[in-house]
Amino acid sequence: MKKKIFFLVNNLEEFCSYDLLKKYLYDVSITVGETFPEHPEDYDLVILWNYKKIIHGLNGISNIILFHTSDLPKGKGWAPIYYTIVNKEEYYTITGLFAANEVDSGDIIVKARFKMKDNYTATILRQWDNDISLILIKKILEKFKDKPLKGMKQTGNETYFKRRYRDDNEISLDERLKEIVDKLRASEPQHPAFFFYNGYKYFIFIQPEFEPKFPDDLEIIFYDSTQ
């Protein structure tokens, strides 16, 4: 029987991963919607896909998961791709975890990571993030094909990324280029870095001369408490 997945999204018009769904989950029955399913138990997985609203009453529902771009419990909160770059993290990490009543606090199911390089920009990382999240969904379905989905409680010190606003991307003309390269790498076209010069506002972007290839050092680790 075909596996069934529900993707809960913020806005159907903004969801742009249909081609990736066909690439990685071609043998899965998929529903994409803006409203939490009335009967989540009808699906093998309910994915909160970059979902920004809080869903209450998740206790006792064991098939609702999400993906967060940090090595949880480190890096809970906002703008994880931005902070991965500007904090000079050694690895780019995506954590697959159970949804919980507290943000980014559910049991960890799986993590994927690869080493960061200086020519990785936020735009490129976001593209890969979507690919890797769908790869992880496929592997979750394969691993837990005939058994309940399981994970492990988060351990270690929690850290939190603060929310960022458009004005946080302002660049000072007094800063040297070397000092702002990471901030430019971490800014995306929909929230670009900018500066003011003689009363005019300018946007500033950078991109590597050659687009980097998908990382060949991708490592995937499951956190199944039964192992």
C-alpha atoms as a PDB file:
ATOM      1  CA  MET A   1       0.000   0.000   0.000  1.00  0.00           C
ATOM      2  CA  LYS A   2       1.243   3.474  -0.871  1.00  0.00           C
ATOM      3  CA  LYS A   3       2.544   5.589   1.976  1.00  0.00           C
ATOM      4  CA  LYS A   4       0.595   8.791   2.597  1.00  0.00           C
ATOM      5  CA  ILE A   5       2.101  12.145   3.572  1.00  0.00           C
ATOM      6  CA  PHE A   6       0.460  15.467   4.347  1.00  0.00           C
ATOM      7  CA  PHE A   7       2.577  18.622   3.923  1.00  0.00           C
ATOM      8  CA  LEU A   8       1.246  21.497   6.020  1.00  0.00           C
ATOM      9  CA  VAL A   9       2.399  24.760   4.429  1.00  0.00           C
ATOM     10  CA  ASN A  10       1.949  28.438   5.211  1.00  0.00           C
ATOM     11  CA  ASN A  11       0.649  29.339   1.767  1.00  0.00           C
ATOM     12  CA  LEU A  12      -0.052  27.105  -1.228  1.00  0.00           C
ATOM     13  CA  GLU A  13       0.994  29.859  -3.622  1.00  0.00           C
ATOM     14  CA  GLU A  14       4.425  30.068  -1.979  1.00  0.00           C
ATOM     15  CA  PHE A  15       5.038  26.317  -1.903  1.00  0.00           C
ATOM     16  CA  CYS A  16       7.513  25.657  -4.725  1.00  0.00           C
ATOM     17  CA  SER A  17       8.793  22.143  -4.051  1.00  0.00           C
ATOM     18  CA  TYR A  18       6.450  20.121  -6.279  1.00  0.00           C
ATOM     19  CA  ASP A  19       9.281  19.113  -8.612  1.00  0.00           C
ATOM     20  CA  LEU A  20      11.308  17.890  -5.640  1.00  0.00           C
ATOM     21  CA  LEU A  21       8.338  15.885  -4.399  1.00  0.00           C
ATOM     22  CA  LYS A  22       8.222  14.119  -7.760  1.00  0.00           C
ATOM     23  CA  LYS A  23      11.976  13.552  -7.643  1.00  0.00           C
ATOM     24  CA  TYR A  24      12.262  12.071  -4.161  1.00  0.00           C
ATOM     25  CA  LEU A  25       8.753  10.893  -3.227  1.00  0.00           C
ATOM     26  CA  TYR A  26       7.402   9.744  -6.577  1.00  0.00           C
ATOM     27  CA  ASP A  27       5.990   6.538  -5.050  1.00  0.00           C
ATOM     28  CA  VAL A  28       4.187   8.291  -2.179  1.00  0.00           C
ATOM     29  CA  SER A  29       0.640   9.671  -2.050  1.00  0.00           C
ATOM     30  CA  ILE A  30       1.058  13.356  -1.174  1.00  0.00           C
ATOM     31  CA  THR A  31      -1.386  16.010  -0.041  1.00  0.00           C
ATOM     32  CA  VAL A  32      -0.340  19.651   0.397  1.00  0.00           C
ATOM     33  CA  GLY A  33      -2.574  21.946   2.404  1.00  0.00           C
ATOM     34  CA  GLU A  34      -2.766  25.082   4.541  1.00  0.00           C
ATOM     35  CA  THR A  35      -5.010  23.574   7.237  1.00  0.00           C
ATOM     36  CA  PHE A  36      -3.971  20.897   9.714  1.00  0.00           C
ATOM     37  CA  PRO A  37      -5.692  17.638   8.726  1.00  0.00           C
ATOM     38  CA  GLU A  38      -8.774  16.762  10.709  1.00  0.00           C
ATOM     39  CA  HIS A  39      -7.584  13.156  10.962  1.00  0.00           C
ATOM     40  CA  PRO A  40      -3.754  13.188  11.068  1.00  0.00           C
ATOM     41  CA  GLU A  41      -3.763   9.469  11.868  1.00  0.00           C
ATOM     42  CA  ASP A  42      -4.871   8.817   8.285  1.00  0.00           C
ATOM     43  CA  TYR A  43      -1.331   9.691   7.154  1.00  0.00           C
ATOM     44  CA  ASP A  44       1.983   7.962   7.704  1.00  0.00           C
ATOM     45  CA  LEU A  45       3.583  11.377   8.207  1.00  0.00           C
ATOM     46  CA  VAL A  46       2.332  14.927   8.645  1.00  0.00           C
ATOM     47  CA  ILE A  47       5.151  17.327   7.757  1.00  0.00           C
ATOM     48  CA  LEU A  48       5.181  20.889   9.091  1.00  0.00           C
ATOM     49  CA  TRP A  49       6.955  22.341   6.075  1.00  0.00           C
ATOM     50  CA  ASN A  50       8.589  25.595   7.217  1.00  0.00           C
ATOM     51  CA  TYR A  51       5.324  26.163   9.036  1.00  0.00           C
ATOM     52  CA  LYS A  52       5.261  29.391  11.082  1.00  0.00           C
ATOM     53  CA  LYS A  53       2.124  28.966  13.175  1.00  0.00           C
ATOM     54  CA  ILE A  54       1.931  27.191  16.529  1.00  0.00           C
ATOM     55  CA  ILE A  55      -0.215  24.051  16.636  1.00  0.00           C
ATOM     56  CA  HIS A  56      -1.577  23.145  20.053  1.00  0.00           C
ATOM     57  CA  GLY A  57      -2.609  19.763  21.390  1.00  0.00           C
ATOM     58  CA  LEU A  58       0.108  17.650  19.770  1.00  0.00           C
ATOM     59  CA  ASN A  59       0.568  15.338  22.751  1.00  0.00           C
ATOM     60  CA  GLY A  60      -0.217  11.761  21.860  1.00  0.00           C
ATOM     61  CA  ILE A  61       0.112  12.274  18.089  1.00  0.00           C
ATOM     62  CA  SER A  62       3.234  10.440  16.959  1.00  0.00           C
ATOM     63  CA  ASN A  63       3.468  11.060  13.214  1.00  0.00           C
ATOM     64  CA  ILE A  64       3.911  14.855  13.031  1.00  0.00           C
ATOM     65  CA  ILE A  65       7.438  15.969  12.233  1.00  0.00           C
ATOM     66  CA  LEU A  66       9.386  18.998  11.053  1.00  0.00           C
ATOM     67  CA  PHE A  67      12.888  19.916   9.983  1.00  0.00           C
ATOM     68  CA  HIS A  68      15.025  22.603  11.594  1.00  0.00           C
ATOM     69  CA  THR A  69      18.350  23.819  10.250  1.00  0.00           C
ATOM     70  CA  SER A  70      20.597  23.534  13.271  1.00  0.00           C
ATOM     71  CA  ASP A  71      22.283  20.937  15.447  1.00  0.00           C
ATOM     72  CA  LEU A  72      19.508  20.841  18.046  1.00  0.00           C
ATOM     73  CA  PRO A  73      19.277  21.644  20.887  1.00  0.00           C
ATOM     74  CA  LYS A  74      21.800  24.215  19.689  1.00  0.00           C
ATOM     75  CA  GLY A  75      20.289  26.929  17.527  1.00  0.00           C
ATOM     76  CA  LYS A  76      16.581  26.855  18.263  1.00  0.00           C
ATOM     77  CA  GLY A  77      14.498  29.704  16.939  1.00  0.00           C
ATOM     78  CA  TRP A  78      14.757  31.994  13.966  1.00  0.00           C
ATOM     79  CA  ALA A  79      16.844  32.410  10.769  1.00  0.00           C
ATOM     80  CA  PRO A  80      19.022  29.305  11.228  1.00  0.00           C
ATOM     81  CA  ILE A  81      20.583  29.478   7.758  1.00  0.00           C
ATOM     82  CA  TYR A  82      21.686  33.063   8.357  1.00  0.00           C
ATOM     83  CA  TYR A  83      23.226  32.235  11.730  1.00  0.00           C
ATOM     84  CA  THR A  84      24.936  29.109  10.422  1.00  0.00           C
ATOM     85  CA  ILE A  85      26.927  31.334   8.077  1.00  0.00           C
ATOM     86  CA  VAL A  86      27.624  34.385  10.248  1.00  0.00           C
ATOM     87  CA  ASN A  87      28.486  32.234  13.285  1.00  0.00           C
ATOM     88  CA  LYS A  88      30.991  30.334  11.120  1.00  0.00           C
ATOM     89  CA  GLU A  89      29.580  26.943  12.038  1.00  0.00           C
ATOM     90  CA  GLU A  90      31.807  24.073  10.939  1.00  0.00           C
ATOM     91  CA  TYR A  91      28.836  22.040   9.734  1.00  0.00           C
ATOM     92  CA  TYR A  92      25.483  22.762   8.149  1.00  0.00           C
ATOM     93  CA  THR A  93      23.043  20.574  10.041  1.00  0.00           C
ATOM     94  CA  ILE A  94      19.407  19.712   9.449  1.00  0.00           C
ATOM     95  CA  THR A  95      17.497  18.050  12.284  1.00  0.00           C
ATOM     96  CA  GLY A  96      14.352  16.019  11.746  1.00  0.00           C
ATOM     97  CA  LEU A  97      12.275  15.931  14.906  1.00  0.00           C
ATOM     98  CA  PHE A  98       8.826  15.325  16.297  1.00  0.00           C
ATOM     99  CA  ALA A  99       6.566  18.352  16.574  1.00  0.00           C
ATOM    100  CA  ALA A 100       5.977  19.380  20.195  1.00  0.00           C
ATOM    101  CA  ASN A 101       4.073  22.022  22.096  1.00  0.00           C
ATOM    102  CA  GLU A 102       7.315  23.959  22.693  1.00  0.00           C
ATOM    103  CA  VAL A 103       9.125  25.206  19.601  1.00  0.00           C
ATOM    104  CA  ASP A 104      11.969  22.981  18.328  1.00  0.00           C
ATOM    105  CA  SER A 105      11.849  20.833  21.475  1.00  0.00           C
ATOM    106  CA  GLY A 106      10.585  17.470  20.212  1.00  0.00           C
ATOM    107  CA  ASP A 107      12.491  14.187  20.210  1.00  0.00           C
ATOM    108  CA  ILE A 108      15.128  13.988  17.473  1.00  0.00           C
ATOM    109  CA  ILE A 109      14.591  11.386  14.764  1.00  0.00           C
ATOM    110  CA  VAL A 110      17.453  12.074  12.377  1.00  0.00           C
ATOM    111  CA  LYS A 111      20.186  14.559  11.538  1.00  0.00           C
ATOM    112  CA  ALA A 112      21.959  15.292   8.280  1.00  0.00           C
ATOM    113  CA  ARG A 113      25.079  17.386   8.010  1.00  0.00           C
ATOM    114  CA  PHE A 114      27.895  18.434   5.705  1.00  0.00           C
ATOM    115  CA  LYS A 115      30.931  20.668   6.118  1.00  0.00           C
ATOM    116  CA  MET A 116      30.518  24.343   5.387  1.00  0.00           C
ATOM    117  CA  LYS A 117      32.649  25.984   2.699  1.00  0.00           C
ATOM    118  CA  ASP A 118      33.341  29.652   2.074  1.00  0.00           C
ATOM    119  CA  ASN A 119      31.515  29.670  -1.272  1.00  0.00           C
ATOM    120  CA  TYR A 120      28.226  28.486   0.219  1.00  0.00           C
ATOM    121  CA  THR A 121      25.621  31.244   0.272  1.00  0.00           C
ATOM    122  CA  ALA A 122      22.203  31.274   1.949  1.00  0.00           C
ATOM    123  CA  THR A 123      20.482  31.000  -1.432  1.00  0.00           C
ATOM    124  CA  ILE A 124      22.400  27.850  -2.295  1.00  0.00           C
ATOM    125  CA  LEU A 125      21.999  26.373   1.165  1.00  0.00           C
ATOM    126  CA  ARG A 126      18.234  26.876   1.093  1.00  0.00           C
ATOM    127  CA  GLN A 127      18.008  24.968  -2.184  1.00  0.00           C
ATOM    128  CA  TRP A 128      19.983  22.089  -0.705  1.00  0.00           C
ATOM    129  CA  ASP A 129      18.005  22.286   2.526  1.00  0.00           C
ATOM    130  CA  ASN A 130      14.802  21.450   0.651  1.00  0.00           C
ATOM    131  CA  ASP A 131      16.473  18.580  -1.199  1.00  0.00           C
ATOM    132  CA  ILE A 132      17.972  17.110   1.949  1.00  0.00           C
ATOM    133  CA  SER A 133      14.745  17.412   3.935  1.00  0.00           C
ATOM    134  CA  LEU A 134      12.948  15.360   1.282  1.00  0.00           C
ATOM    135  CA  ILE A 135      15.791  12.839   1.187  1.00  0.00           C
ATOM    136  CA  LEU A 136      15.361  12.473   4.955  1.00  0.00           C
ATOM    137  CA  ILE A 137      11.611  11.983   4.612  1.00  0.00           C
ATOM    138  CA  LYS A 138      12.213   9.171   2.138  1.00  0.00           C
ATOM    139  CA  LYS A 139      14.754   7.545   4.475  1.00  0.00           C
ATOM    140  CA  ILE A 140      12.402   7.896   7.451  1.00  0.00           C
ATOM    141  CA  LEU A 141       9.685   6.082   5.512  1.00  0.00           C
ATOM    142  CA  GLU A 142      12.139   3.329   4.581  1.00  0.00           C
ATOM    143  CA  LYS A 143      13.603   2.911   8.045  1.00  0.00           C
ATOM    144  CA  PHE A 144      10.282   2.861   9.901  1.00  0.00           C
ATOM    145  CA  LYS A 145       8.337   1.072   7.177  1.00  0.00           C
ATOM    146  CA  ASP A 146       6.814  -1.565   9.452  1.00  0.00           C
ATOM    147  CA  LYS A 147       7.346  -0.086  12.901  1.00  0.00           C
ATOM    148  CA  PRO A 148       6.441   3.033  14.900  1.00  0.00           C
ATOM    149  CA  LEU A 149       8.415   6.198  14.352  1.00  0.00           C
ATOM    150  CA  LYS A 150      10.917   6.741  17.174  1.00  0.00           C
ATOM    151  CA  GLY A 151      13.511   9.284  18.251  1.00  0.00           C
ATOM    152  CA  MET A 152      15.577  10.395  21.232  1.00  0.00           C
ATOM    153  CA  LYS A 153      15.085  13.234  23.676  1.00  0.00           C
ATOM    154  CA  GLN A 154      17.264  16.270  23.144  1.00  0.00           C
ATOM    155  CA  THR A 155      20.322  16.504  25.369  1.00  0.00           C
ATOM    156  CA  GLY A 156      22.933  19.202  25.905  1.00  0.00           C
ATOM    157  CA  ASN A 157      22.847  22.953  26.293  1.00  0.00           C
ATOM    158  CA  GLU A 158      20.125  24.850  24.469  1.00  0.00           C
ATOM    159  CA  THR A 159      20.916  27.977  22.510  1.00  0.00           C
ATOM    160  CA  TYR A 160      18.495  30.247  20.681  1.00  0.00           C
ATOM    161  CA  PHE A 161      18.695  32.316  17.517  1.00  0.00           C
ATOM    162  CA  LYS A 162      16.881  35.625  17.830  1.00  0.00           C
ATOM    163  CA  ARG A 163      14.367  36.814  15.282  1.00  0.00           C
ATOM    164  CA  ARG A 164      15.743  39.047  12.542  1.00  0.00           C
ATOM    165  CA  TYR A 165      14.037  41.932  10.764  1.00  0.00           C
ATOM    166  CA  ARG A 166      14.654  43.631   7.415  1.00  0.00           C
ATOM    167  CA  ASP A 167      16.483  46.535   9.061  1.00  0.00           C
ATOM    168  CA  ASP A 168      19.003  44.079  10.532  1.00  0.00           C
ATOM    169  CA  ASN A 169      20.454  43.664   7.035  1.00  0.00           C
ATOM    170  CA  GLU A 170      21.755  47.228   6.842  1.00  0.00           C
ATOM    171  CA  ILE A 171      25.463  47.475   6.031  1.00  0.00           C
ATOM    172  CA  SER A 172      27.558  50.330   7.345  1.00  0.00           C
ATOM    173  CA  LEU A 173      29.802  52.083   4.810  1.00  0.00           C
ATOM    174  CA  ASP A 174      32.411  52.304   7.558  1.00  0.00           C
ATOM    175  CA  GLU A 175      32.846  48.526   7.561  1.00  0.00           C
ATOM    176  CA  ARG A 176      35.527  46.930   5.418  1.00  0.00           C
ATOM    177  CA  LEU A 177      34.438  44.418   2.793  1.00  0.00           C
ATOM    178  CA  LYS A 178      36.225  41.590   4.606  1.00  0.00           C
ATOM    179  CA  GLU A 179      34.118  42.291   7.688  1.00  0.00           C
ATOM    180  CA  ILE A 180      30.771  41.967   5.888  1.00  0.00           C
ATOM    181  CA  VAL A 181      31.342  39.086   3.449  1.00  0.00           C
ATOM    182  CA  ASP A 182      29.658  36.542   5.714  1.00  0.00           C
ATOM    183  CA  LYS A 183      26.687  38.843   6.262  1.00  0.00           C
ATOM    184  CA  LEU A 184      26.357  39.224   2.491  1.00  0.00           C
ATOM    185  CA  ARG A 185      26.625  35.463   1.976  1.00  0.00           C
ATOM    186  CA  ALA A 186      23.906  34.979   4.591  1.00  0.00           C
ATOM    187  CA  SER A 187      21.435  37.460   3.076  1.00  0.00           C
ATOM    188  CA  GLU A 188      18.903  36.213   0.535  1.00  0.00           C
ATOM    189  CA  PRO A 189      17.273  38.105  -2.357  1.00  0.00           C
ATOM    190  CA  GLN A 190      13.912  38.364  -0.584  1.00  0.00           C
ATOM    191  CA  HIS A 191      15.680  39.958   2.413  1.00  0.00           C
ATOM    192  CA  PRO A 192      18.751  41.594   0.842  1.00  0.00           C
ATOM    193  CA  ALA A 193      21.573  43.436   2.527  1.00  0.00           C
ATOM    194  CA  PHE A 194      21.486  47.169   1.875  1.00  0.00           C
ATOM    195  CA  PHE A 195      23.218  50.467   2.560  1.00  0.00           C
ATOM    196  CA  PHE A 196      22.453  54.162   2.269  1.00  0.00           C
ATOM    197  CA  TYR A 197      24.594  56.558   0.251  1.00  0.00           C
ATOM    198  CA  ASN A 198      23.805  60.273  -0.051  1.00  0.00           C
ATOM    199  CA  GLY A 199      20.220  59.628   0.903  1.00  0.00           C
ATOM    200  CA  TYR A 200      19.659  56.737  -1.514  1.00  0.00           C
ATOM    201  CA  LYS A 201      19.138  53.125  -0.555  1.00  0.00           C
ATOM    202  CA  TYR A 202      21.102  50.453  -2.405  1.00  0.00           C
ATOM    203  CA  PHE A 203      20.760  46.676  -2.293  1.00  0.00           C
ATOM    204  CA  ILE A 204      23.902  44.590  -2.396  1.00  0.00           C
ATOM    205  CA  PHE A 205      24.275  40.929  -3.366  1.00  0.00           C
ATOM    206  CA  ILE A 206      27.142  38.530  -3.858  1.00  0.00           C
ATOM    207  CA  GLN A 207      27.368  35.126  -5.475  1.00  0.00           C
ATOM    208  CA  PRO A 208      30.277  32.803  -6.190  1.00  0.00           C
ATOM    209  CA  GLU A 209      31.687  32.757  -9.712  1.00  0.00           C
ATOM    210  CA  PHE A 210      30.898  29.054  -9.987  1.00  0.00           C
ATOM    211  CA  GLU A 211      27.892  27.516  -8.273  1.00  0.00           C
ATOM    212  CA  PRO A 212      29.090  24.856  -5.822  1.00  0.00           C
ATOM    213  CA  LYS A 213      28.060  21.252  -6.334  1.00  0.00           C
ATOM    214  CA  PHE A 214      25.744  19.435  -3.972  1.00  0.00           C
ATOM    215  CA  PRO A 215      27.918  18.307  -1.030  1.00  0.00           C
ATOM    216  CA  ASP A 216      29.423  14.842  -1.450  1.00  0.00           C
ATOM    217  CA  ASP A 217      30.141  14.562   2.283  1.00  0.00           C
ATOM    218  CA  LEU A 218      26.495  14.481   3.375  1.00  0.00           C
ATOM    219  CA  GLU A 219      26.181  12.358   6.518  1.00  0.00           C
ATOM    220  CA  ILE A 220      22.858  11.042   7.841  1.00  0.00           C
ATOM    221  CA  ILE A 221      22.465   9.761  11.414  1.00  0.00           C
ATOM    222  CA  PHE A 222      19.289   8.311  12.937  1.00  0.00           C
ATOM    223  CA  TYR A 223      18.529   8.787  16.631  1.00  0.00           C
ATOM    224  CA  ASP A 224      16.346   5.750  17.134  1.00  0.00           C
ATOM    225  CA  SER A 225      16.137   5.103  20.890  1.00  0.00           C
ATOM    226  CA  THR A 226      15.701   1.375  20.225  1.00  0.00           C
ATOM    227  CA  GLN A 227      19.192   1.090  18.769  1.00  0.00           C
END
